PDB file of N, CA and C in Angstrom:
ATOM      1  N   MET A   1     -16.364   1.084   0.959  1.00  0.00           N
ATOM      2  CA  MET A   1     -15.005   0.984   0.459  1.00  0.00           C
ATOM      3  C   MET A   1     -14.667  -0.495   0.239  1.00  0.00           C
ATOM      4  N   VAL A   2     -14.022  -0.774  -0.845  1.00  0.00           N
ATOM      5  CA  VAL A   2     -13.610  -2.130  -1.164  1.00  0.00           C
ATOM      6  C   VAL A   2     -12.165  -2.311  -0.723  1.00  0.00           C
ATOM      7  N   ALA A   3     -11.906  -3.407  -0.052  1.00  0.00           N
ATOM      8  CA  ALA A   3     -10.550  -3.723   0.368  1.00  0.00           C
ATOM      9  C   ALA A   3     -10.064  -4.931  -0.416  1.00  0.00           C
ATOM     10  N   CYS A   4      -8.889  -4.825  -0.982  1.00  0.00           N
ATOM     11  CA  CYS A   4      -8.340  -5.919  -1.793  1.00  0.00           C
ATOM     12  C   CYS A   4      -7.251  -6.691  -1.073  1.00  0.00           C
ATOM     13  N   TYR A   5      -6.640  -6.077  -0.099  1.00  0.00           N
ATOM     14  CA  TYR A   5      -5.475  -6.649   0.553  1.00  0.00           C
ATOM     15  C   TYR A   5      -5.831  -7.244   1.904  1.00  0.00           C
ATOM     16  N   THR A   6      -4.947  -8.076   2.405  1.00  0.00           N
ATOM     17  CA  THR A   6      -5.079  -8.594   3.760  1.00  0.00           C
ATOM     18  C   THR A   6      -3.860  -8.190   4.576  1.00  0.00           C
ATOM     19  N   ILE A   7      -4.095  -8.037   5.869  1.00  0.00           N
ATOM     20  CA  ILE A   7      -3.031  -7.851   6.854  1.00  0.00           C
ATOM     21  C   ILE A   7      -3.386  -8.826   7.962  1.00  0.00           C
ATOM     22  N   GLY A   8      -2.565  -9.842   8.106  1.00  0.00           N
ATOM     23  CA  GLY A   8      -2.908 -10.915   9.033  1.00  0.00           C
ATOM     24  C   GLY A   8      -4.141 -11.639   8.516  1.00  0.00           C
ATOM     25  N   LYS A   9      -5.159 -11.725   9.343  1.00  0.00           N
ATOM     26  CA  LYS A   9      -6.400 -12.404   8.944  1.00  0.00           C
ATOM     27  C   LYS A   9      -7.510 -11.416   8.598  1.00  0.00           C
ATOM     28  N   THR A  10      -7.160 -10.138   8.495  1.00  0.00           N
ATOM     29  CA  THR A  10      -8.149  -9.105   8.207  1.00  0.00           C
ATOM     30  C   THR A  10      -8.040  -8.662   6.761  1.00  0.00           C
ATOM     31  N   GLY A  11      -9.174  -8.504   6.101  1.00  0.00           N
ATOM     32  CA  GLY A  11      -9.197  -8.015   4.733  1.00  0.00           C
ATOM     33  C   GLY A  11      -9.758  -9.033   3.768  1.00  0.00           C
ATOM     34  N   THR A  12      -9.616  -8.717   2.500  1.00  0.00           N
ATOM     35  CA  THR A  12     -10.114  -9.566   1.426  1.00  0.00           C
ATOM     36  C   THR A  12      -8.921 -10.025   0.583  1.00  0.00           C
ATOM     37  N   PRO A  13      -8.722 -11.319   0.462  1.00  0.00           N
ATOM     38  CA  PRO A  13      -7.526 -11.826  -0.239  1.00  0.00           C
ATOM     39  C   PRO A  13      -7.631 -11.782  -1.764  1.00  0.00           C
ATOM     40  N   ILE A  14      -7.909 -10.613  -2.298  1.00  0.00           N
ATOM     41  CA  ILE A  14      -7.935 -10.449  -3.751  1.00  0.00           C
ATOM     42  C   ILE A  14      -6.521 -10.136  -4.249  1.00  0.00           C
ATOM     43  N   ALA A  15      -5.824  -9.302  -3.503  1.00  0.00           N
ATOM     44  CA  ALA A  15      -4.462  -8.898  -3.871  1.00  0.00           C
ATOM     45  C   ALA A  15      -3.479  -9.470  -2.847  1.00  0.00           C
ATOM     46  N   ASN A  16      -2.281  -8.955  -2.828  1.00  0.00           N
ATOM     47  CA  ASN A  16      -1.209  -9.470  -1.973  1.00  0.00           C
ATOM     48  C   ASN A  16      -1.507  -9.308  -0.480  1.00  0.00           C
ATOM     49  N   ASP A  17      -0.912 -10.173   0.313  1.00  0.00           N
ATOM     50  CA  ASP A  17      -0.951 -10.067   1.767  1.00  0.00           C
ATOM     51  C   ASP A  17       0.096  -9.025   2.170  1.00  0.00           C
ATOM     52  N   LEU A  18      -0.313  -8.040   2.929  1.00  0.00           N
ATOM     53  CA  LEU A  18       0.590  -6.952   3.318  1.00  0.00           C
ATOM     54  C   LEU A  18       1.178  -7.137   4.718  1.00  0.00           C
ATOM     55  N   THR A  19       1.006  -8.308   5.302  1.00  0.00           N
ATOM     56  CA  THR A  19       1.432  -8.540   6.675  1.00  0.00           C
ATOM     57  C   THR A  19       2.895  -8.176   6.914  1.00  0.00           C
ATOM     58  N   ARG A  20       3.771  -8.406   5.962  1.00  0.00           N
ATOM     59  CA  ARG A  20       5.195  -8.107   6.119  1.00  0.00           C
ATOM     60  C   ARG A  20       5.734  -7.183   5.021  1.00  0.00           C
ATOM     61  N   VAL A  21       4.872  -6.344   4.503  1.00  0.00           N
ATOM     62  CA  VAL A  21       5.264  -5.479   3.387  1.00  0.00           C
ATOM     63  C   VAL A  21       6.424  -4.547   3.744  1.00  0.00           C
ATOM     64  N   GLY A  22       6.524  -4.156   5.013  1.00  0.00           N
ATOM     65  CA  GLY A  22       7.611  -3.274   5.443  1.00  0.00           C
ATOM     66  C   GLY A  22       8.982  -3.926   5.369  1.00  0.00           C
ATOM     67  N   SER A  23       9.009  -5.241   5.312  1.00  0.00           N
ATOM     68  CA  SER A  23      10.281  -5.965   5.154  1.00  0.00           C
ATOM     69  C   SER A  23      10.748  -5.964   3.704  1.00  0.00           C
ATOM     70  N   LYS A  24       9.834  -5.691   2.790  1.00  0.00           N
ATOM     71  CA  LYS A  24      10.157  -5.741   1.362  1.00  0.00           C
ATOM     72  C   LYS A  24      10.407  -4.372   0.745  1.00  0.00           C
ATOM     73  N   TYR A  25       9.694  -3.349   1.242  1.00  0.00           N
ATOM     74  CA  TYR A  25       9.766  -2.039   0.601  1.00  0.00           C
ATOM     75  C   TYR A  25       9.982  -0.937   1.623  1.00  0.00           C
ATOM     76  N   PRO A  26      10.774   0.078   1.274  1.00  0.00           N
ATOM     77  CA  PRO A  26      10.964   1.208   2.182  1.00  0.00           C
ATOM     78  C   PRO A  26       9.724   2.112   2.180  1.00  0.00           C
ATOM     79  N   GLU A  27       9.610   2.896   3.209  1.00  0.00           N
ATOM     80  CA  GLU A  27       8.471   3.808   3.356  1.00  0.00           C
ATOM     81  C   GLU A  27       8.315   4.732   2.150  1.00  0.00           C
ATOM     82  N   SER A  28       9.402   5.222   1.601  1.00  0.00           N
ATOM     83  CA  SER A  28       9.322   6.142   0.454  1.00  0.00           C
ATOM     84  C   SER A  28       8.676   5.469  -0.757  1.00  0.00           C
ATOM     85  N   TYR A  29       9.013   4.198  -0.989  1.00  0.00           N
ATOM     86  CA  TYR A  29       8.393   3.455  -2.102  1.00  0.00           C
ATOM     87  C   TYR A  29       6.901   3.273  -1.847  1.00  0.00           C
ATOM     88  N   LEU A  30       6.549   2.909  -0.620  1.00  0.00           N
ATOM     89  CA  LEU A  30       5.147   2.686  -0.288  1.00  0.00           C
ATOM     90  C   LEU A  30       4.326   3.965  -0.434  1.00  0.00           C
ATOM     91  N   ARG A  31       4.892   5.101  -0.047  1.00  0.00           N
ATOM     92  CA  ARG A  31       4.204   6.390  -0.211  1.00  0.00           C
ATOM     93  C   ARG A  31       3.974   6.666  -1.687  1.00  0.00           C
ATOM     94  N   GLY A  32       4.976   6.415  -2.514  1.00  0.00           N
ATOM     95  CA  GLY A  32       4.819   6.594  -3.960  1.00  0.00           C
ATOM     96  C   GLY A  32       3.780   5.658  -4.540  1.00  0.00           C
ATOM     97  N   TRP A  33       3.759   4.431  -4.047  1.00  0.00           N
ATOM     98  CA  TRP A  33       2.779   3.435  -4.508  1.00  0.00           C
ATOM     99  C   TRP A  33       1.355   3.901  -4.184  1.00  0.00           C
ATOM    100  N   LEU A  34       1.179   4.459  -2.994  1.00  0.00           N
ATOM    101  CA  LEU A  34      -0.146   4.939  -2.598  1.00  0.00           C
ATOM    102  C   LEU A  34      -0.580   6.147  -3.418  1.00  0.00           C
ATOM    103  N   ARG A  35       0.348   7.031  -3.712  1.00  0.00           N
ATOM    104  CA  ARG A  35       0.018   8.269  -4.426  1.00  0.00           C
ATOM    105  C   ARG A  35      -0.079   8.057  -5.938  1.00  0.00           C
ATOM    106  N   GLU A  36       0.838   7.299  -6.524  1.00  0.00           N
ATOM    107  CA  GLU A  36       0.910   7.119  -7.983  1.00  0.00           C
ATOM    108  C   GLU A  36       1.301   5.681  -8.320  1.00  0.00           C
ATOM    109  N   PRO A  37       0.405   4.725  -8.137  1.00  0.00           N
ATOM    110  CA  PRO A  37       0.782   3.319  -8.362  1.00  0.00           C
ATOM    111  C   PRO A  37       1.254   3.034  -9.785  1.00  0.00           C
ATOM    112  N   GLN A  38       0.696   3.685 -10.778  1.00  0.00           N
ATOM    113  CA  GLN A  38       1.100   3.436 -12.167  1.00  0.00           C
ATOM    114  C   GLN A  38       2.521   3.917 -12.442  1.00  0.00           C
ATOM    115  N   GLU A  39       2.975   4.922 -11.710  1.00  0.00           N
ATOM    116  CA  GLU A  39       4.359   5.376 -11.875  1.00  0.00           C
ATOM    117  C   GLU A  39       5.340   4.384 -11.245  1.00  0.00           C
ATOM    118  N   GLN A  40       4.937   3.743 -10.164  1.00  0.00           N
ATOM    119  CA  GLN A  40       5.793   2.769  -9.494  1.00  0.00           C
ATOM    120  C   GLN A  40       5.867   1.463 -10.291  1.00  0.00           C
ATOM    121  N   LYS A  41       4.712   1.065 -10.849  1.00  0.00           N
ATOM    122  CA  LYS A  41       4.657  -0.197 -11.589  1.00  0.00           C
ATOM    123  C   LYS A  41       3.618  -0.062 -12.709  1.00  0.00           C
ATOM    124  N   PRO A  42       4.055   0.352 -13.897  1.00  0.00           N
ATOM    125  CA  PRO A  42       3.121   0.500 -15.010  1.00  0.00           C
ATOM    126  C   PRO A  42       2.347  -0.797 -15.269  1.00  0.00           C
ATOM    127  N   GLY A  43       1.060  -0.654 -15.486  1.00  0.00           N
ATOM    128  CA  GLY A  43       0.210  -1.819 -15.734  1.00  0.00           C
ATOM    129  C   GLY A  43      -0.349  -2.455 -14.478  1.00  0.00           C
ATOM    130  N   ALA A  44      -0.004  -1.911 -13.311  1.00  0.00           N
ATOM    131  CA  ALA A  44      -0.517  -2.461 -12.054  1.00  0.00           C
ATOM    132  C   ALA A  44      -2.030  -2.294 -11.984  1.00  0.00           C
ATOM    133  N   HIS A  45      -2.677  -3.189 -11.286  1.00  0.00           N
ATOM    134  CA  HIS A  45      -4.126  -3.130 -11.127  1.00  0.00           C
ATOM    135  C   HIS A  45      -4.547  -2.215  -9.990  1.00  0.00           C
ATOM    136  N   MET A  46      -3.600  -1.692  -9.257  1.00  0.00           N
ATOM    137  CA  MET A  46      -3.886  -0.807  -8.133  1.00  0.00           C
ATOM    138  C   MET A  46      -4.416   0.521  -8.653  1.00  0.00           C
ATOM    139  N   PRO A  47      -5.613   0.927  -8.236  1.00  0.00           N
ATOM    140  CA  PRO A  47      -6.132   2.226  -8.665  1.00  0.00           C
ATOM    141  C   PRO A  47      -5.445   3.354  -7.902  1.00  0.00           C
ATOM    142  N   LYS A  48      -5.462   4.535  -8.468  1.00  0.00           N
ATOM    143  CA  LYS A  48      -4.938   5.703  -7.772  1.00  0.00           C
ATOM    144  C   LYS A  48      -5.939   6.071  -6.675  1.00  0.00           C
ATOM    145  N   ILE A  49      -5.468   6.147  -5.457  1.00  0.00           N
ATOM    146  CA  ILE A  49      -6.320   6.461  -4.313  1.00  0.00           C
ATOM    147  C   ILE A  49      -6.248   7.964  -4.054  1.00  0.00           C
ATOM    148  N   GLN A  50      -7.381   8.589  -3.940  1.00  0.00           N
ATOM    149  CA  GLN A  50      -7.420  10.018  -3.652  1.00  0.00           C
ATOM    150  C   GLN A  50      -7.186  10.232  -2.159  1.00  0.00           C
ATOM    151  N   MET A  51      -5.996  10.706  -1.810  1.00  0.00           N
ATOM    152  CA  MET A  51      -5.678  11.030  -0.427  1.00  0.00           C
ATOM    153  C   MET A  51      -4.658  12.153  -0.413  1.00  0.00           C
ATOM    154  N   ASN A  52      -4.678  12.913   0.658  1.00  0.00           N
ATOM    155  CA  ASN A  52      -3.721  14.014   0.744  1.00  0.00           C
ATOM    156  C   ASN A  52      -2.354  13.478   1.170  1.00  0.00           C
ATOM    157  N   GLU A  53      -1.353  14.321   1.076  1.00  0.00           N
ATOM    158  CA  GLU A  53       0.023  13.906   1.355  1.00  0.00           C
ATOM    159  C   GLU A  53       0.191  13.452   2.806  1.00  0.00           C
ATOM    160  N   SER A  54      -0.473  14.126   3.721  1.00  0.00           N
ATOM    161  CA  SER A  54      -0.379  13.763   5.129  1.00  0.00           C
ATOM    162  C   SER A  54      -0.910  12.345   5.367  1.00  0.00           C
ATOM    163  N   ASP A  55      -2.047  12.027   4.777  1.00  0.00           N
ATOM    164  CA  ASP A  55      -2.610  10.678   4.916  1.00  0.00           C
ATOM    165  C   ASP A  55      -1.722   9.638   4.233  1.00  0.00           C
ATOM    166  N   ALA A  56      -1.166   9.978   3.085  1.00  0.00           N
ATOM    167  CA  ALA A  56      -0.275   9.051   2.379  1.00  0.00           C
ATOM    168  C   ALA A  56       0.965   8.766   3.213  1.00  0.00           C
ATOM    169  N   ARG A  57       1.506   9.797   3.854  1.00  0.00           N
ATOM    170  CA  ARG A  57       2.682   9.605   4.719  1.00  0.00           C
ATOM    171  C   ARG A  57       2.345   8.722   5.915  1.00  0.00           C
ATOM    172  N   ALA A  58       1.191   8.963   6.523  1.00  0.00           N
ATOM    173  CA  ALA A  58       0.792   8.180   7.696  1.00  0.00           C
ATOM    174  C   ALA A  58       0.553   6.710   7.312  1.00  0.00           C
ATOM    175  N   LEU A  59      -0.133   6.470   6.211  1.00  0.00           N
ATOM    176  CA  LEU A  59      -0.396   5.107   5.795  1.00  0.00           C
ATOM    177  C   LEU A  59       0.891   4.392   5.365  1.00  0.00           C
ATOM    178  N   ALA A  60       1.771   5.106   4.682  1.00  0.00           N
ATOM    179  CA  ALA A  60       3.046   4.515   4.277  1.00  0.00           C
ATOM    180  C   ALA A  60       3.890   4.173   5.504  1.00  0.00           C
ATOM    181  N   ALA A  61       3.871   5.021   6.517  1.00  0.00           N
ATOM    182  CA  ALA A  61       4.611   4.749   7.752  1.00  0.00           C
ATOM    183  C   ALA A  61       4.061   3.499   8.437  1.00  0.00           C
ATOM    184  N   TYR A  62       2.744   3.361   8.456  1.00  0.00           N
ATOM    185  CA  TYR A  62       2.123   2.168   9.032  1.00  0.00           C
ATOM    186  C   TYR A  62       2.535   0.922   8.256  1.00  0.00           C
ATOM    187  N   LEU A  63       2.400   0.975   6.933  1.00  0.00           N
ATOM    188  CA  LEU A  63       2.753  -0.184   6.119  1.00  0.00           C
ATOM    189  C   LEU A  63       4.235  -0.540   6.272  1.00  0.00           C
ATOM    190  N   ALA A  64       5.091   0.474   6.356  1.00  0.00           N
ATOM    191  CA  ALA A  64       6.530   0.229   6.521  1.00  0.00           C
ATOM    192  C   ALA A  64       6.837  -0.427   7.867  1.00  0.00           C
ATOM    193  N   SER A  65       5.953  -0.248   8.840  1.00  0.00           N
ATOM    194  CA  SER A  65       6.176  -0.845  10.167  1.00  0.00           C
ATOM    195  C   SER A  65       5.797  -2.319  10.203  1.00  0.00           C
ATOM    196  N   LEU A  66       5.127  -2.811   9.174  1.00  0.00           N
ATOM    197  CA  LEU A  66       4.694  -4.213   9.136  1.00  0.00           C
ATOM    198  C   LEU A  66       5.857  -5.099   8.685  1.00  0.00           C
ATOM    199  N   LYS A  67       6.517  -5.697   9.651  1.00  0.00           N
ATOM    200  CA  LYS A  67       7.710  -6.497   9.347  1.00  0.00           C
ATOM    201  C   LYS A  67       7.624  -7.875   9.943  1.00  0.00           C
TER     202      LYS A  67
END
């Protein structure tokens, strides 16, 4: 699996640092971004990740907690 983002000092700094992403976006936006990134931001380089709704909710909750 390729990782593009960083959280703290972990990850690959190709894309944005997600260390404080929960301070910028609500959980509902992050869940939408994970499920349908092109709908959230047309032209984004983020690929659509194949994950079920339960995993998307869990990951969005984690990202929303990063403040």
